[in-house]
C-alpha atoms as a PDB file:
ATOM      1  CA  UNK A   1      23.904  17.169  17.892  1.00  0.00           C
ATOM      2  CA  UNK A   2      19.977  18.668  18.011  1.00  0.00           C
ATOM      3  CA  UNK A   3      20.750  22.493  16.934  1.00  0.00           C
ATOM      4  CA  UNK A   4      22.037  21.034  13.780  1.00  0.00           C
ATOM      5  CA  UNK A   5      19.644  18.282  13.244  1.00  0.00           C
ATOM      6  CA  UNK A   6      17.226  21.123  13.721  1.00  0.00           C
ATOM      7  CA  UNK A   7      19.093  23.327  11.516  1.00  0.00           C
ATOM      8  CA  UNK A   8      19.865  21.362   8.356  1.00  0.00           C
ATOM      9  CA  UNK A   9      17.338  18.311   8.508  1.00  0.00           C
ATOM     10  CA  UNK A  10      14.080  19.904   9.533  1.00  0.00           C
ATOM     11  CA  UNK A  11      13.766  22.149   6.629  1.00  0.00           C
ATOM     12  CA  UNK A  12      15.066  19.197   4.694  1.00  0.00           C
ATOM     13  CA  UNK A  13      12.429  17.253   5.444  1.00  0.00           C
ATOM     14  CA  UNK A  14       9.720  19.655   4.776  1.00  0.00           C
ATOM     15  CA  UNK A  15      11.118  20.058   1.370  1.00  0.00           C
ATOM     16  CA  UNK A  16      11.247  16.095   0.726  1.00  0.00           C
ATOM     17  CA  UNK A  17       7.273  16.439   2.103  1.00  0.00           C
ATOM     18  CA  UNK A  18       6.561  18.688  -0.004  1.00  0.00           C
ATOM     19  CA  UNK A  19       7.681  17.225  -3.222  1.00  0.00           C
ATOM     20  CA  UNK A  20       6.701  13.891  -2.260  1.00  0.00           C
ATOM     21  CA  UNK A  21       2.970  14.420  -1.628  1.00  0.00           C
ATOM     22  CA  UNK A  22       2.532  16.087  -4.340  1.00  0.00           C
ATOM     23  CA  UNK A  23       4.308  13.372  -6.534  1.00  0.00           C
ATOM     24  CA  UNK A  24       2.003  11.295  -5.073  1.00  0.00           C
ATOM     25  CA  UNK A  25      -1.340  13.089  -5.467  1.00  0.00           C
ATOM     26  CA  UNK A  26      -1.470  11.068  -9.141  1.00  0.00           C
ATOM     27  CA  UNK A  27      -1.348   8.385  -7.244  1.00  0.00           C
ATOM     28  CA  UNK A  28      -3.685   9.138  -4.737  1.00  0.00           C
ATOM     29  CA  UNK A  29      -6.275  10.177  -7.140  1.00  0.00           C
ATOM     30  CA  UNK A  30      -5.848   6.834  -8.940  1.00  0.00           C
ATOM     31  CA  UNK A  31      -6.635   4.980  -5.561  1.00  0.00           C
ATOM     32  CA  UNK A  32      -9.562   7.688  -4.233  1.00  0.00           C
ATOM     33  CA  UNK A  33      -7.316   7.392  -1.078  1.00  0.00           C
ATOM     34  CA  UNK A  34      -5.538  10.207   0.545  1.00  0.00           C
ATOM     35  CA  UNK A  35      -4.783   8.143   3.833  1.00  0.00           C
ATOM     36  CA  UNK A  36      -0.910   8.126   2.520  1.00  0.00           C
ATOM     37  CA  UNK A  37      -0.895  12.138   1.998  1.00  0.00           C
ATOM     38  CA  UNK A  38      -1.991  12.822   5.601  1.00  0.00           C
ATOM     39  CA  UNK A  39       0.339  10.292   6.744  1.00  0.00           C
ATOM     40  CA  UNK A  40       3.625  11.349   5.117  1.00  0.00           C
ATOM     41  CA  UNK A  41       2.508  14.773   6.812  1.00  0.00           C
ATOM     42  CA  UNK A  42       2.474  13.273  10.003  1.00  0.00           C
ATOM     43  CA  UNK A  43       5.934  11.953  10.079  1.00  0.00           C
ATOM     44  CA  UNK A  44       7.340  15.082   8.674  1.00  0.00           C
ATOM     45  CA  UNK A  45       5.980  17.127  11.130  1.00  0.00           C
ATOM     46  CA  UNK A  46       6.076  14.832  13.691  1.00  0.00           C
ATOM     47  CA  UNK A  47      10.095  14.977  13.264  1.00  0.00           C
ATOM     48  CA  UNK A  48       9.832  18.590  12.684  1.00  0.00           C
ATOM     49  CA  UNK A  49       8.333  19.067  16.130  1.00  0.00           C
ATOM     50  CA  UNK A  50      10.861  16.563  17.733  1.00  0.00           C
ATOM     51  CA  UNK A  51      13.769  18.543  16.481  1.00  0.00           C
ATOM     52  CA  UNK A  52      12.031  21.951  17.309  1.00  0.00           C
ATOM     53  CA  UNK A  53      11.941  20.515  21.293  1.00  0.00           C
ATOM     54  CA  UNK A  54      15.049  18.928  21.543  1.00  0.00           C
ATOM     55  CA  UNK A  55      17.022  22.188  19.579  1.00  0.00           C
ATOM     56  CA  UNK A  56      14.960  24.473  22.193  1.00  0.00           C
ATOM     57  CA  UNK A  57      15.929  21.856  25.195  1.00  0.00           C
ATOM     58  CA  UNK A  58      20.102  22.364  24.254  1.00  0.00           C
ATOM     59  CA  UNK A  59      19.422  25.950  24.412  1.00  0.00           C
ATOM     60  CA  UNK A  60      17.935  25.597  27.702  1.00  0.00           C
ATOM     61  CA  UNK A  61      20.798  23.640  28.624  1.00  0.00           C
ATOM     62  CA  UNK A  62      23.590  25.121  27.505  1.00  0.00           C
ATOM     63  CA  UNK A  63      22.610  28.745  29.008  1.00  0.00           C
ATOM     64  CA  UNK A  64      21.868  27.080  32.338  1.00  0.00           C
ATOM     65  CA  UNK A  65      25.452  26.266  32.385  1.00  0.00           C
ATOM     66  CA  UNK A  66      27.945  28.286  33.974  1.00  0.00           C
ATOM     67  CA  UNK A  67      29.635  30.462  31.409  1.00  0.00           C
ATOM     68  CA  UNK A  68      33.313  29.375  30.884  1.00  0.00           C
ATOM     69  CA  UNK A  69      34.761  31.800  28.932  1.00  0.00           C
ATOM     70  CA  UNK A  70      33.220  35.231  27.513  1.00  0.00           C
ATOM     71  CA  UNK A  71      31.420  34.893  24.602  1.00  0.00           C
ATOM     72  CA  UNK A  72      33.389  32.064  22.920  1.00  0.00           C
ATOM     73  CA  UNK A  73      31.817  28.682  22.433  1.00  0.00           C
ATOM     74  CA  UNK A  74      29.169  28.003  24.816  1.00  0.00           C
ATOM     75  CA  UNK A  75      28.007  31.601  22.583  1.00  0.00           C
ATOM     76  CA  UNK A  76      27.708  30.024  19.672  1.00  0.00           C
ATOM     77  CA  UNK A  77      26.294  27.013  20.725  1.00  0.00           C
ATOM     78  CA  UNK A  78      23.646  28.833  21.807  1.00  0.00           C
ATOM     79  CA  UNK A  79      23.153  31.124  18.768  1.00  0.00           C
ATOM     80  CA  UNK A  80      23.325  27.938  16.836  1.00  0.00           C
ATOM     81  CA  UNK A  81      20.580  26.153  19.134  1.00  0.00           C
ATOM     82  CA  UNK A  82      18.400  29.030  18.765  1.00  0.00           C
ATOM     83  CA  UNK A  83      18.431  29.088  15.446  1.00  0.00           C
ATOM     84  CA  UNK A  84      17.905  25.305  15.124  1.00  0.00           C
ATOM     85  CA  UNK A  85      15.029  25.700  17.313  1.00  0.00           C
ATOM     86  CA  UNK A  86      13.883  28.736  14.747  1.00  0.00           C
ATOM     87  CA  UNK A  87      14.118  27.180  11.404  1.00  0.00           C
ATOM     88  CA  UNK A  88      12.978  23.645  12.626  1.00  0.00           C
ATOM     89  CA  UNK A  89       9.474  26.044  13.886  1.00  0.00           C
ATOM     90  CA  UNK A  90       9.169  27.738  10.780  1.00  0.00           C
ATOM     91  CA  UNK A  91       9.656  24.573   8.816  1.00  0.00           C
ATOM     92  CA  UNK A  92       6.575  22.691  10.821  1.00  0.00           C
ATOM     93  CA  UNK A  93       4.821  26.149  10.655  1.00  0.00           C
ATOM     94  CA  UNK A  94       4.944  25.476   6.515  1.00  0.00           C
ATOM     95  CA  UNK A  95       4.453  21.726   6.693  1.00  0.00           C
ATOM     96  CA  UNK A  96       1.076  22.846   8.735  1.00  0.00           C
ATOM     97  CA  UNK A  97       0.252  25.264   6.147  1.00  0.00           C
ATOM     98  CA  UNK A  98       0.477  23.245   3.813  1.00  0.00           C
ATOM     99  CA  UNK A  99      -1.545  20.042   5.265  1.00  0.00           C
ATOM    100  CA  UNK A 100      -4.556  22.306   5.498  1.00  0.00           C
ATOM    101  CA  UNK A 101      -5.159  22.497   1.592  1.00  0.00           C
ATOM    102  CA  UNK A 102      -5.358  18.851   1.478  1.00  0.00           C
ATOM    103  CA  UNK A 103      -8.365  18.562   4.061  1.00  0.00           C
ATOM    104  CA  UNK A 104     -10.358  21.512   1.166  1.00  0.00           C
ATOM    105  CA  UNK A 105      -9.156  20.108  -1.978  1.00  0.00           C
ATOM    106  CA  UNK A 106     -10.114  16.674  -3.628  1.00  0.00           C
ATOM    107  CA  UNK A 107      -6.439  15.358  -5.110  1.00  0.00           C
ATOM    108  CA  UNK A 108      -8.208  14.632  -8.476  1.00  0.00           C
ATOM    109  CA  UNK A 109      -8.468  18.011  -8.772  1.00  0.00           C
ATOM    110  CA  UNK A 110      -7.170  19.130 -11.036  1.00  0.00           C
END
């Protein structure tokens, strides 16, 4: 469960955050408030971090279980969990990288 959420939902949340923040820039400029933009980033970052930790802990749990079959379902689950953790971690790093300019650049700069 965590592996799929980290693999699919975390990058999707990152892209949705990017689109939502970009579309709200004119509104934030008109109001003179960037708090909503930062709140969206915090929520998206929290989701991706939780997905990363969940997928990582799922990988640790699967890895600790005794192998019942050689190269079967357990190996596929491990692969998906690691891939999900890496994808969610990259999405979280991307969110942080997109967030840094929000502190330095005014939304009214055009």
